[in-house]
Amino acid sequence: MPFAVACSDPCDGRSQGTTGMFDSLPFRNDAALVMRRLIRSLPTRHGVMGIGTCDKGLPAILLALAGSTSLPPSPYRAG
């Protein structure tokens, strides 16, 4: 059964010039932790696909996937 999760990210355009700018980089780590927890919460998963749409969300997804060592290997992996 497919399952989708989302983790929104702060907008640099709106936070520019405010103290919210200081949350941009820490957000990547927070989002990665949330995504890893969501991945672990699906014990019957057969795989995970992450879709990043900005310069904060994409690194968060990559960190989450890299930290999910229990995922099956990708058949599309180089090598």
Protein backbone atom coordinates (compact mmCIF):
# COMPACT_ATOMS: atom_id res chain seq x y z
CA MET A 1 0.00 0.00 0.00
CA PRO A 2 1.54 3.36 -0.99
CA PHE A 3 2.09 5.92 1.71
CA ALA A 4 3.04 9.57 1.19
CA VAL A 5 4.53 12.00 3.67
CA ALA A 6 5.46 15.64 3.36
CA CYS A 7 7.74 17.98 5.22
CA SER A 8 7.35 21.63 4.33
CA ASP A 9 10.30 23.99 4.32
CA PRO A 10 10.75 27.66 5.18
CA CYS A 11 10.72 30.18 2.36
CA ASP A 12 13.94 32.18 2.10
CA GLY A 13 12.11 34.98 0.28
CA ARG A 14 9.77 35.54 3.20
CA SER A 15 12.34 35.16 5.94
CA GLN A 16 15.03 37.32 4.30
CA GLY A 17 16.09 40.10 6.67
CA THR A 18 14.38 38.51 9.69
CA THR A 19 15.54 36.17 12.43
CA GLY A 20 13.79 33.39 10.49
CA MET A 21 16.84 33.31 8.20
CA PHE A 22 18.73 31.56 10.99
CA ASP A 23 16.33 28.60 10.79
CA SER A 24 17.11 27.77 7.17
CA LEU A 25 20.15 25.53 7.67
CA PRO A 26 18.96 23.87 10.92
CA PHE A 27 15.76 23.02 9.07
CA ARG A 28 17.66 20.57 6.86
CA ASN A 29 18.67 18.49 9.86
CA ASP A 30 15.21 18.68 11.44
CA ALA A 31 13.52 17.61 8.20
CA ALA A 32 15.99 14.75 7.73
CA LEU A 33 15.24 13.47 11.24
CA VAL A 34 11.49 13.65 10.65
CA MET A 35 11.79 11.87 7.32
CA ARG A 36 13.97 9.10 8.80
CA ARG A 37 11.40 8.58 11.55
CA LEU A 38 8.61 8.41 8.99
CA ILE A 39 10.58 5.86 6.95
CA ARG A 40 11.15 3.72 10.06
CA SER A 41 7.44 3.93 10.89
CA LEU A 42 6.62 1.92 7.76
CA PRO A 43 7.92 -1.57 8.60
CA THR A 44 6.33 -3.20 5.53
CA ARG A 45 7.91 -0.78 3.05
CA HIS A 46 9.64 -2.12 -0.03
CA GLY A 47 11.31 1.15 -0.97
CA VAL A 48 11.26 4.88 -0.52
CA MET A 49 11.26 7.64 -3.10
CA GLY A 50 12.18 11.17 -2.08
CA ILE A 51 11.29 14.23 -4.14
CA GLY A 52 13.03 17.48 -3.30
CA THR A 53 11.90 20.78 -4.78
CA CYS A 54 14.25 23.35 -3.25
CA ASP A 55 17.74 23.93 -1.92
CA LYS A 56 16.67 22.94 1.61
CA GLY A 57 14.33 20.05 0.96
CA LEU A 58 16.62 18.14 -1.39
CA PRO A 59 19.58 17.93 1.04
CA ALA A 60 17.14 16.92 3.80
CA ILE A 61 15.83 14.05 1.66
CA LEU A 62 19.35 12.94 0.76
CA LEU A 63 20.36 12.98 4.44
CA ALA A 64 17.27 10.97 5.36
CA LEU A 65 17.84 8.36 2.66
CA ALA A 66 21.54 8.10 3.47
CA GLY A 67 20.67 7.54 7.12
CA SER A 68 18.15 4.82 6.32
CA THR A 69 20.53 1.90 6.08
CA SER A 70 17.79 -0.70 6.34
CA LEU A 71 16.39 0.17 2.91
CA PRO A 72 16.86 -2.39 0.13
CA PRO A 73 19.57 -1.57 -2.43
CA SER A 74 18.46 0.24 -5.56
CA PRO A 75 18.52 -1.75 -8.81
CA TYR A 76 19.51 1.53 -10.51
CA ARG A 77 22.68 2.01 -8.51
CA ALA A 78 25.83 2.52 -10.57
CA GLY A 79 28.48 -0.13 -10.39
